[in-house]
PDB file of all heavy atoms in Angstrom:
ATOM      1  N   ALA A   1     109.655 138.454  65.704  1.00  0.00           N
ATOM      2  CA  ALA A   1     109.957 137.125  65.191  1.00  0.00           C
ATOM      3  C   ALA A   1     111.070 136.487  65.945  1.00  0.00           C
ATOM      4  O   ALA A   1     111.066 135.285  66.339  1.00  0.00           O
ATOM      5  CB  ALA A   1     110.295 137.175  63.727  1.00  0.00           C
ATOM      6  N   ALA A   2     112.098 137.283  66.249  1.00  0.00           N
ATOM      7  CA  ALA A   2     113.247 136.774  67.071  1.00  0.00           C
ATOM      8  C   ALA A   2     112.808 136.524  68.481  1.00  0.00           C
ATOM      9  O   ALA A   2     113.295 135.490  69.085  1.00  0.00           O
ATOM     10  CB  ALA A   2     114.343 137.861  67.053  1.00  0.00           C
ATOM     11  N   VAL A   3     111.934 137.352  69.093  1.00  0.00           N
ATOM     12  CA  VAL A   3     111.421 137.103  70.419  1.00  0.00           C
ATOM     13  C   VAL A   3     110.715 135.770  70.491  1.00  0.00           C
ATOM     14  O   VAL A   3     110.898 134.960  71.365  1.00  0.00           O
ATOM     15  CB  VAL A   3     110.525 138.234  70.876  1.00  0.00           C
ATOM     16  CG1 VAL A   3     109.790 137.923  72.158  1.00  0.00           C
ATOM     17  CG2 VAL A   3     111.344 139.546  71.044  1.00  0.00           C
ATOM     18  N   ARG A   4     109.794 135.543  69.565  1.00  0.00           N
ATOM     19  CA  ARG A   4     109.017 134.308  69.552  1.00  0.00           C
ATOM     20  C   ARG A   4     109.917 133.075  69.359  1.00  0.00           C
ATOM     21  O   ARG A   4     109.698 131.976  69.866  1.00  0.00           O
ATOM     22  CB  ARG A   4     107.934 134.352  68.450  1.00  0.00           C
ATOM     23  CG  ARG A   4     106.761 135.273  68.855  1.00  0.00           C
ATOM     24  CD  ARG A   4     105.619 135.150  67.923  1.00  0.00           C
ATOM     25  NE  ARG A   4     105.940 135.573  66.553  1.00  0.00           N
ATOM     26  CZ  ARG A   4     105.776 136.830  66.162  1.00  0.00           C
ATOM     27  NH1 ARG A   4     105.280 137.772  66.977  1.00  0.00           N
ATOM     28  NH2 ARG A   4     106.088 137.208  64.913  1.00  0.00           N
ATOM     29  N   ALA A   5     111.005 133.275  68.538  1.00  0.00           N
ATOM     30  CA  ALA A   5     111.941 132.151  68.285  1.00  0.00           C
ATOM     31  C   ALA A   5     112.613 131.721  69.569  1.00  0.00           C
ATOM     32  O   ALA A   5     113.106 130.551  69.664  1.00  0.00           O
ATOM     33  CB  ALA A   5     112.953 132.577  67.243  1.00  0.00           C
ATOM     34  N   ARG A   6     112.768 132.605  70.531  1.00  0.00           N
ATOM     35  CA  ARG A   6     113.409 132.267  71.814  1.00  0.00           C
ATOM     36  C   ARG A   6     112.409 131.708  72.803  1.00  0.00           C
ATOM     37  O   ARG A   6     112.735 131.467  73.961  1.00  0.00           O
ATOM     38  CB  ARG A   6     114.072 133.544  72.421  1.00  0.00           C
ATOM     39  CG  ARG A   6     115.343 133.893  71.705  1.00  0.00           C
ATOM     40  CD  ARG A   6     116.055 135.044  72.438  1.00  0.00           C
ATOM     41  NE  ARG A   6     116.333 134.656  73.859  1.00  0.00           N
ATOM     42  CZ  ARG A   6     117.396 133.943  74.189  1.00  0.00           C
ATOM     43  NH1 ARG A   6     118.201 133.562  73.288  1.00  0.00           N
ATOM     44  NH2 ARG A   6     117.617 133.681  75.466  1.00  0.00           N
ATOM     45  N   GLY A   7     111.130 131.445  72.408  1.00  0.00           N
ATOM     46  CA  GLY A   7     110.243 130.753  73.242  1.00  0.00           C
ATOM     47  C   GLY A   7     109.468 131.695  74.144  1.00  0.00           C
ATOM     48  O   GLY A   7     108.865 131.285  75.114  1.00  0.00           O
ATOM     49  N   CYS A   8     109.451 132.991  73.856  1.00  0.00           N
ATOM     50  CA  CYS A   8     108.659 133.921  74.633  1.00  0.00           C
ATOM     51  C   CYS A   8     107.150 133.802  74.202  1.00  0.00           C
ATOM     52  O   CYS A   8     106.822 134.186  73.104  1.00  0.00           O
ATOM     53  CB  CYS A   8     109.148 135.359  74.472  1.00  0.00           C
ATOM     54  SG  CYS A   8     110.894 135.529  74.836  1.00  0.00           S
ATOM     55  N   GLN A   9     106.348 133.340  75.148  1.00  0.00           N
ATOM     56  CA  GLN A   9     104.952 132.998  74.805  1.00  0.00           C
ATOM     57  C   GLN A   9     103.933 134.017  75.233  1.00  0.00           C
ATOM     58  O   GLN A   9     102.784 133.713  75.381  1.00  0.00           O
ATOM     59  CB  GLN A   9     104.608 131.612  75.366  1.00  0.00           C
ATOM     60  CG  GLN A   9     105.485 130.520  74.790  1.00  0.00           C
ATOM     61  CD  GLN A   9     105.361 130.365  73.327  1.00  0.00           C
ATOM     62  OE1 GLN A   9     104.305 130.554  72.738  1.00  0.00           O
ATOM     63  NE2 GLN A   9     106.505 130.107  72.690  1.00  0.00           N
ATOM     64  N   PHE A  10     104.344 135.232  75.559  1.00  0.00           N
ATOM     65  CA  PHE A  10     103.349 136.260  75.949  1.00  0.00           C
ATOM     66  C   PHE A  10     102.890 136.994  74.673  1.00  0.00           C
ATOM     67  O   PHE A  10     103.219 138.033  74.367  1.00  0.00           O
ATOM     68  CB  PHE A  10     103.935 137.246  76.981  1.00  0.00           C
ATOM     69  CG  PHE A  10     105.124 138.058  76.491  1.00  0.00           C
ATOM     70  CD1 PHE A  10     104.924 139.380  76.160  1.00  0.00           C
ATOM     71  CD2 PHE A  10     106.358 137.505  76.392  1.00  0.00           C
ATOM     72  CE1 PHE A  10     106.012 140.143  75.664  1.00  0.00           C
ATOM     73  CE2 PHE A  10     107.394 138.268  75.946  1.00  0.00           C
ATOM     74  CZ  PHE A  10     107.239 139.627  75.593  1.00  0.00           C
ATOM     75  N   LEU A  11     102.043 136.260  73.931  1.00  0.00           N
ATOM     76  CA  LEU A  11     101.565 136.857  72.652  1.00  0.00           C
ATOM     77  C   LEU A  11     100.524 137.952  72.861  1.00  0.00           C
ATOM     78  O   LEU A  11      99.891 138.031  73.995  1.00  0.00           O
ATOM     79  CB  LEU A  11     100.965 135.731  71.823  1.00  0.00           C
ATOM     80  CG  LEU A  11     101.854 134.495  71.511  1.00  0.00           C
ATOM     81  CD1 LEU A  11     101.171 133.505  70.677  1.00  0.00           C
ATOM     82  CD2 LEU A  11     103.084 135.069  70.758  1.00  0.00           C
ATOM     83  N   GLY A  12     100.333 138.716  71.883  1.00  0.00           N
ATOM     84  CA  GLY A  12      99.359 139.838  71.973  1.00  0.00           C
ATOM     85  C   GLY A  12     100.028 141.089  71.621  1.00  0.00           C
ATOM     86  O   GLY A  12     100.924 141.565  72.322  1.00  0.00           O
ATOM     87  N   PRO A  13      99.720 141.679  70.474  1.00  0.00           N
ATOM     88  CA  PRO A  13     100.419 142.887  70.005  1.00  0.00           C
ATOM     89  C   PRO A  13     100.471 144.036  71.029  1.00  0.00           C
ATOM     90  O   PRO A  13     101.475 144.742  71.177  1.00  0.00           O
ATOM     91  CB  PRO A  13      99.597 143.304  68.735  1.00  0.00           C
ATOM     92  CG  PRO A  13      98.932 142.037  68.311  1.00  0.00           C
ATOM     93  CD  PRO A  13      98.614 141.276  69.576  1.00  0.00           C
ATOM     94  N   ALA A  14      99.353 144.242  71.734  1.00  0.00           N
ATOM     95  CA  ALA A  14      99.288 145.366  72.657  1.00  0.00           C
ATOM     96  C   ALA A  14     100.367 145.255  73.737  1.00  0.00           C
ATOM     97  O   ALA A  14     101.117 146.178  74.089  1.00  0.00           O
ATOM     98  CB  ALA A  14      97.863 145.470  73.263  1.00  0.00           C
ATOM     99  N   MET A  15     100.469 144.048  74.320  1.00  0.00           N
ATOM    100  CA  MET A  15     101.438 143.795  75.341  1.00  0.00           C
ATOM    101  C   MET A  15     102.879 143.855  74.802  1.00  0.00           C
ATOM    102  O   MET A  15     103.762 144.432  75.492  1.00  0.00           O
ATOM    103  CB  MET A  15     101.163 142.472  76.008  1.00  0.00           C
ATOM    104  CG  MET A  15     102.162 142.179  77.190  1.00  0.00           C
ATOM    105  SD  MET A  15     101.771 140.592  77.959  1.00  0.00           S
ATOM    106  CE  MET A  15     103.249 140.405  79.025  1.00  0.00           C
ATOM    107  N   GLN A  16     103.036 143.334  73.630  1.00  0.00           N
ATOM    108  CA  GLN A  16     104.447 143.345  73.059  1.00  0.00           C
ATOM    109  C   GLN A  16     104.904 144.791  72.820  1.00  0.00           C
ATOM    110  O   GLN A  16     106.037 145.140  73.135  1.00  0.00           O
ATOM    111  CB  GLN A  16     104.402 142.590  71.682  1.00  0.00           C
ATOM    112  CG  GLN A  16     104.159 141.082  71.884  1.00  0.00           C
ATOM    113  CD  GLN A  16     103.951 140.403  70.607  1.00  0.00           C
ATOM    114  OE1 GLN A  16     103.906 141.001  69.474  1.00  0.00           O
ATOM    115  NE2 GLN A  16     103.808 139.077  70.567  1.00  0.00           N
ATOM    116  N   GLU A  17     104.020 145.620  72.262  1.00  0.00           N
ATOM    117  CA  GLU A  17     104.396 146.967  71.987  1.00  0.00           C
ATOM    118  C   GLU A  17     104.698 147.724  73.350  1.00  0.00           C
ATOM    119  O   GLU A  17     105.560 148.622  73.440  1.00  0.00           O
ATOM    120  CB  GLU A  17     103.330 147.745  71.212  1.00  0.00           C
ATOM    121  CG  GLU A  17     103.150 147.206  69.782  1.00  0.00           C
ATOM    122  CD  GLU A  17     104.421 147.369  68.955  1.00  0.00           C
ATOM    123  OE1 GLU A  17     105.161 148.328  69.198  1.00  0.00           O
ATOM    124  OE2 GLU A  17     104.663 146.514  68.050  1.00  0.00           O
ATOM    125  N   GLU A  18     103.864 147.394  74.344  1.00  0.00           N
ATOM    126  CA  GLU A  18     104.092 148.060  75.666  1.00  0.00           C
ATOM    127  C   GLU A  18     105.349 147.713  76.272  1.00  0.00           C
ATOM    128  O   GLU A  18     106.046 148.522  76.927  1.00  0.00           O
ATOM    129  CB  GLU A  18     102.869 147.734  76.599  1.00  0.00           C
ATOM    130  CG  GLU A  18     102.873 148.467  77.869  1.00  0.00           C
ATOM    131  CD  GLU A  18     102.621 150.022  77.712  1.00  0.00           C
ATOM    132  OE1 GLU A  18     102.332 150.413  76.571  1.00  0.00           O
ATOM    133  OE2 GLU A  18     102.733 150.696  78.697  1.00  0.00           O
ATOM    134  N   VAL A  19     105.777 146.439  76.110  1.00  0.00           N
ATOM    135  CA  VAL A  19     107.060 145.991  76.657  1.00  0.00           C
ATOM    136  C   VAL A  19     108.242 146.782  76.077  1.00  0.00           C
ATOM    137  O   VAL A  19     109.091 147.325  76.762  1.00  0.00           O
ATOM    138  CB  VAL A  19     107.281 144.510  76.454  1.00  0.00           C
ATOM    139  CG1 VAL A  19     108.755 144.094  76.762  1.00  0.00           C
ATOM    140  CG2 VAL A  19     106.330 143.669  77.297  1.00  0.00           C
ATOM    141  N   LEU A  20     108.230 146.933  74.739  1.00  0.00           N
ATOM    142  CA  LEU A  20     109.255 147.675  74.054  1.00  0.00           C
ATOM    143  C   LEU A  20     109.244 149.127  74.451  1.00  0.00           C
ATOM    144  O   LEU A  20     110.246 149.799  74.689  1.00  0.00           O
ATOM    145  CB  LEU A  20     109.115 147.518  72.538  1.00  0.00           C
ATOM    146  CG  LEU A  20     109.839 146.398  71.869  1.00  0.00           C
ATOM    147  CD1 LEU A  20     109.717 146.557  70.343  1.00  0.00           C
ATOM    148  CD2 LEU A  20     111.257 146.335  72.300  1.00  0.00           C
ATOM    149  N   ARG A  21     108.010 149.708  74.631  1.00  0.00           N
ATOM    150  CA  ARG A  21     107.927 151.109  75.024  1.00  0.00           C
ATOM    151  C   ARG A  21     108.500 151.361  76.373  1.00  0.00           C
ATOM    152  O   ARG A  21     109.204 152.336  76.616  1.00  0.00           O
ATOM    153  CB  ARG A  21     106.431 151.566  74.905  1.00  0.00           C
ATOM    154  CG  ARG A  21     106.226 153.037  75.152  1.00  0.00           C
ATOM    155  CD  ARG A  21     104.777 153.410  75.314  1.00  0.00           C
ATOM    156  NE  ARG A  21     104.233 152.925  76.587  1.00  0.00           N
ATOM    157  CZ  ARG A  21     104.439 153.569  77.675  1.00  0.00           C
ATOM    158  NH1 ARG A  21     105.074 154.675  77.756  1.00  0.00           N
ATOM    159  NH2 ARG A  21     103.941 153.119  78.878  1.00  0.00           N
ATOM    160  N   LEU A  22     108.293 150.408  77.312  1.00  0.00           N
ATOM    161  CA  LEU A  22     108.707 150.567  78.670  1.00  0.00           C
ATOM    162  C   LEU A  22     110.209 150.418  78.727  1.00  0.00           C
ATOM    163  O   LEU A  22     110.938 151.092  79.508  1.00  0.00           O
ATOM    164  CB  LEU A  22     108.016 149.587  79.532  1.00  0.00           C
ATOM    165  CG  LEU A  22     106.567 149.863  79.848  1.00  0.00           C
ATOM    166  CD1 LEU A  22     105.885 148.683  80.603  1.00  0.00           C
ATOM    167  CD2 LEU A  22     106.343 151.162  80.654  1.00  0.00           C
ATOM    168  N   VAL A  23     110.799 149.492  77.913  1.00  0.00           N
ATOM    169  CA  VAL A  23     112.263 149.301  77.893  1.00  0.00           C
ATOM    170  C   VAL A  23     112.903 150.543  77.447  1.00  0.00           C
ATOM    171  O   VAL A  23     113.882 151.045  77.984  1.00  0.00           O
ATOM    172  CB  VAL A  23     112.619 148.095  77.021  1.00  0.00           C
ATOM    173  CG1 VAL A  23     114.091 148.101  76.724  1.00  0.00           C
ATOM    174  CG2 VAL A  23     112.213 146.755  77.645  1.00  0.00           C
ATOM    175  N   LEU A  24     112.391 151.153  76.352  1.00  0.00           N
ATOM    176  CA  LEU A  24     112.948 152.374  75.803  1.00  0.00           C
ATOM    177  C   LEU A  24     112.771 153.528  76.756  1.00  0.00           C
ATOM    178  O   LEU A  24     113.666 154.369  76.915  1.00  0.00           O
ATOM    179  CB  LEU A  24     112.309 152.705  74.466  1.00  0.00           C
ATOM    180  CG  LEU A  24     112.594 151.772  73.294  1.00  0.00           C
ATOM    181  CD1 LEU A  24     111.697 152.121  72.107  1.00  0.00           C
ATOM    182  CD2 LEU A  24     114.063 151.682  72.980  1.00  0.00           C
ATOM    183  N   LEU A  25     111.634 153.599  77.479  1.00  0.00           N
ATOM    184  CA  LEU A  25     111.403 154.573  78.487  1.00  0.00           C
ATOM    185  C   LEU A  25     112.494 154.544  79.586  1.00  0.00           C
ATOM    186  O   LEU A  25     112.993 155.547  80.007  1.00  0.00           O
ATOM    187  CB  LEU A  25     110.003 154.507  79.038  1.00  0.00           C
ATOM    188  CG  LEU A  25     109.686 155.480  80.139  1.00  0.00           C
ATOM    189  CD1 LEU A  25     109.627 156.889  79.596  1.00  0.00           C
ATOM    190  CD2 LEU A  25     108.307 155.088  80.738  1.00  0.00           C
ATOM    191  N   ALA A  26     112.781 153.345  80.003  1.00  0.00           N
ATOM    192  CA  ALA A  26     113.692 153.194  81.130  1.00  0.00           C
ATOM    193  C   ALA A  26     115.107 153.583  80.690  1.00  0.00           C
ATOM    194  O   ALA A  26     115.935 153.977  81.543  1.00  0.00           O
ATOM    195  CB  ALA A  26     113.668 151.740  81.626  1.00  0.00           C
ATOM    196  N   LEU A  27     115.439 153.452  79.416  1.00  0.00           N
ATOM    197  CA  LEU A  27     116.768 153.640  78.974  1.00  0.00           C
ATOM    198  C   LEU A  27     117.074 154.923  78.195  1.00  0.00           C
ATOM    199  O   LEU A  27     118.174 155.220  77.806  1.00  0.00           O
ATOM    200  CB  LEU A  27     117.236 152.485  78.056  1.00  0.00           C
ATOM    201  CG  LEU A  27     117.178 151.119  78.707  1.00  0.00           C
ATOM    202  CD1 LEU A  27     117.501 150.028  77.721  1.00  0.00           C
ATOM    203  CD2 LEU A  27     118.177 151.016  79.883  1.00  0.00           C
ATOM    204  N   GLU A  28     115.989 155.759  77.987  1.00  0.00           N
ATOM    205  CA  GLU A  28     116.149 156.903  77.075  1.00  0.00           C
ATOM    206  C   GLU A  28     117.098 157.945  77.602  1.00  0.00           C
ATOM    207  O   GLU A  28     117.672 158.721  76.835  1.00  0.00           O
ATOM    208  CB  GLU A  28     114.794 157.561  76.886  1.00  0.00           C
ATOM    209  CG  GLU A  28     114.071 158.134  78.053  1.00  0.00           C
ATOM    210  CD  GLU A  28     112.805 158.761  77.752  1.00  0.00           C
ATOM    211  OE1 GLU A  28     112.404 158.793  76.547  1.00  0.00           O
ATOM    212  OE2 GLU A  28     112.115 159.266  78.637  1.00  0.00           O
ATOM    213  N   GLU A  29     117.348 158.012  78.897  1.00  0.00           N
ATOM    214  CA  GLU A  29     118.192 158.965  79.442  1.00  0.00           C
ATOM    215  C   GLU A  29     119.665 158.451  79.576  1.00  0.00           C
ATOM    216  O   GLU A  29     120.556 159.203  80.043  1.00  0.00           O
ATOM    217  CB  GLU A  29     117.798 159.444  80.846  1.00  0.00           C
ATOM    218  CG  GLU A  29     116.470 160.154  80.820  1.00  0.00           C
ATOM    219  CD  GLU A  29     116.508 161.452  80.001  1.00  0.00           C
ATOM    220  OE1 GLU A  29     117.587 162.101  79.941  1.00  0.00           O
ATOM    221  OE2 GLU A  29     115.466 161.875  79.435  1.00  0.00           O
ATOM    222  N   GLY A  30     119.883 157.235  79.097  1.00  0.00           N
ATOM    223  CA  GLY A  30     121.226 156.658  79.118  1.00  0.00           C
ATOM    224  C   GLY A  30     121.666 156.090  80.431  1.00  0.00           C
ATOM    225  O   GLY A  30     122.891 155.976  80.659  1.00  0.00           O
ATOM    226  N   TYR A  31     120.748 155.925  81.383  1.00  0.00           N
ATOM    227  CA  TYR A  31     121.149 155.377  82.720  1.00  0.00           C
ATOM    228  C   TYR A  31     121.679 153.961  82.544  1.00  0.00           C
ATOM    229  O   TYR A  31     121.167 153.167  81.746  1.00  0.00           O
ATOM    230  CB  TYR A  31     119.986 155.421  83.684  1.00  0.00           C
ATOM    231  CG  TYR A  31     119.502 156.829  83.943  1.00  0.00           C
ATOM    232  CD1 TYR A  31     118.143 157.150  83.738  1.00  0.00           C
ATOM    233  CD2 TYR A  31     120.356 157.805  84.398  1.00  0.00           C
ATOM    234  CE1 TYR A  31     117.694 158.410  83.954  1.00  0.00           C
ATOM    235  CE2 TYR A  31     119.914 159.121  84.680  1.00  0.00           C
ATOM    236  CZ  TYR A  31     118.605 159.404  84.436  1.00  0.00           C
ATOM    237  OH  TYR A  31     118.143 160.667  84.703  1.00  0.00           O
ATOM    238  N   ALA A  32     122.657 153.568  83.416  1.00  0.00           N
ATOM    239  CA  ALA A  32     123.153 152.204  83.444  1.00  0.00           C
ATOM    240  C   ALA A  32     122.339 151.425  84.423  1.00  0.00           C
ATOM    241  O   ALA A  32     122.473 151.577  85.651  1.00  0.00           O
ATOM    242  CB  ALA A  32     124.657 152.239  83.873  1.00  0.00           C
ATOM    243  N   LEU A  33     121.434 150.584  83.893  1.00  0.00           N
ATOM    244  CA  LEU A  33     120.600 149.733  84.782  1.00  0.00           C
ATOM    245  C   LEU A  33     121.006 148.286  84.668  1.00  0.00           C
ATOM    246  O   LEU A  33     121.415 147.759  83.625  1.00  0.00           O
ATOM    247  CB  LEU A  33     119.110 149.876  84.316  1.00  0.00           C
ATOM    248  CG  LEU A  33     118.541 151.268  84.306  1.00  0.00           C
ATOM    249  CD1 LEU A  33     117.124 151.169  83.821  1.00  0.00           C
ATOM    250  CD2 LEU A  33     118.461 151.817  85.680  1.00  0.00           C
ATOM    251  N   SER A  34     120.873 147.568  85.763  1.00  0.00           N
ATOM    252  CA  SER A  34     121.110 146.144  85.710  1.00  0.00           C
ATOM    253  C   SER A  34     119.866 145.418  85.048  1.00  0.00           C
ATOM    254  O   SER A  34     118.812 146.034  84.997  1.00  0.00           O
ATOM    255  CB  SER A  34     121.237 145.558  87.084  1.00  0.00           C
ATOM    256  OG  SER A  34     120.054 145.594  87.786  1.00  0.00           O
ATOM    257  N   ARG A  35     120.076 144.260  84.502  1.00  0.00           N
ATOM    258  CA  ARG A  35     118.964 143.571  83.814  1.00  0.00           C
ATOM    259  C   ARG A  35     117.848 143.290  84.815  1.00  0.00           C
ATOM    260  O   ARG A  35     116.708 143.372  84.451  1.00  0.00           O
ATOM    261  CB  ARG A  35     119.514 142.247  83.237  1.00  0.00           C
ATOM    262  CG  ARG A  35     120.285 142.460  81.939  1.00  0.00           C
ATOM    263  CD  ARG A  35     120.726 141.112  81.344  1.00  0.00           C
ATOM    264  NE  ARG A  35     122.122 141.015  81.267  1.00  0.00           N
ATOM    265  CZ  ARG A  35     122.772 139.950  80.811  1.00  0.00           C
ATOM    266  NH1 ARG A  35     122.127 138.912  80.474  1.00  0.00           N
ATOM    267  NH2 ARG A  35     124.094 139.930  80.749  1.00  0.00           N
ATOM    268  N   LYS A  36     118.225 142.939  86.033  1.00  0.00           N
ATOM    269  CA  LYS A  36     117.240 142.646  87.046  1.00  0.00           C
ATOM    270  C   LYS A  36     116.322 143.847  87.301  1.00  0.00           C
ATOM    271  O   LYS A  36     115.099 143.717  87.375  1.00  0.00           O
ATOM    272  CB  LYS A  36     117.933 142.207  88.377  1.00  0.00           C
ATOM    273  CG  LYS A  36     116.952 141.851  89.478  1.00  0.00           C
ATOM    274  CD  LYS A  36     117.694 141.403  90.721  1.00  0.00           C
ATOM    275  CE  LYS A  36     116.724 141.102  91.858  1.00  0.00           C
ATOM    276  NZ  LYS A  36     117.437 140.643  93.078  1.00  0.00           N
ATOM    277  N   VAL A  37     116.969 144.999  87.444  1.00  0.00           N
ATOM    278  CA  VAL A  37     116.189 146.246  87.712  1.00  0.00           C
ATOM    279  C   VAL A  37     115.297 146.604  86.490  1.00  0.00           C
ATOM    280  O   VAL A  37     114.085 146.994  86.637  1.00  0.00           O
ATOM    281  CB  VAL A  37     117.150 147.389  88.074  1.00  0.00           C
ATOM    282  CG1 VAL A  37     116.414 148.733  88.113  1.00  0.00           C
ATOM    283  CG2 VAL A  37     117.879 147.150  89.349  1.00  0.00           C
TER     284      VAL A  37
END
């Protein structure tokens, strides 16, 4: 709901869940990544 409130228009539950999964995958080891990366 917060994502949509910011104007993110990539609707579709499958893609939304995949985005979160990939973000968590990239950060699960505690690495310091830049936003761009």
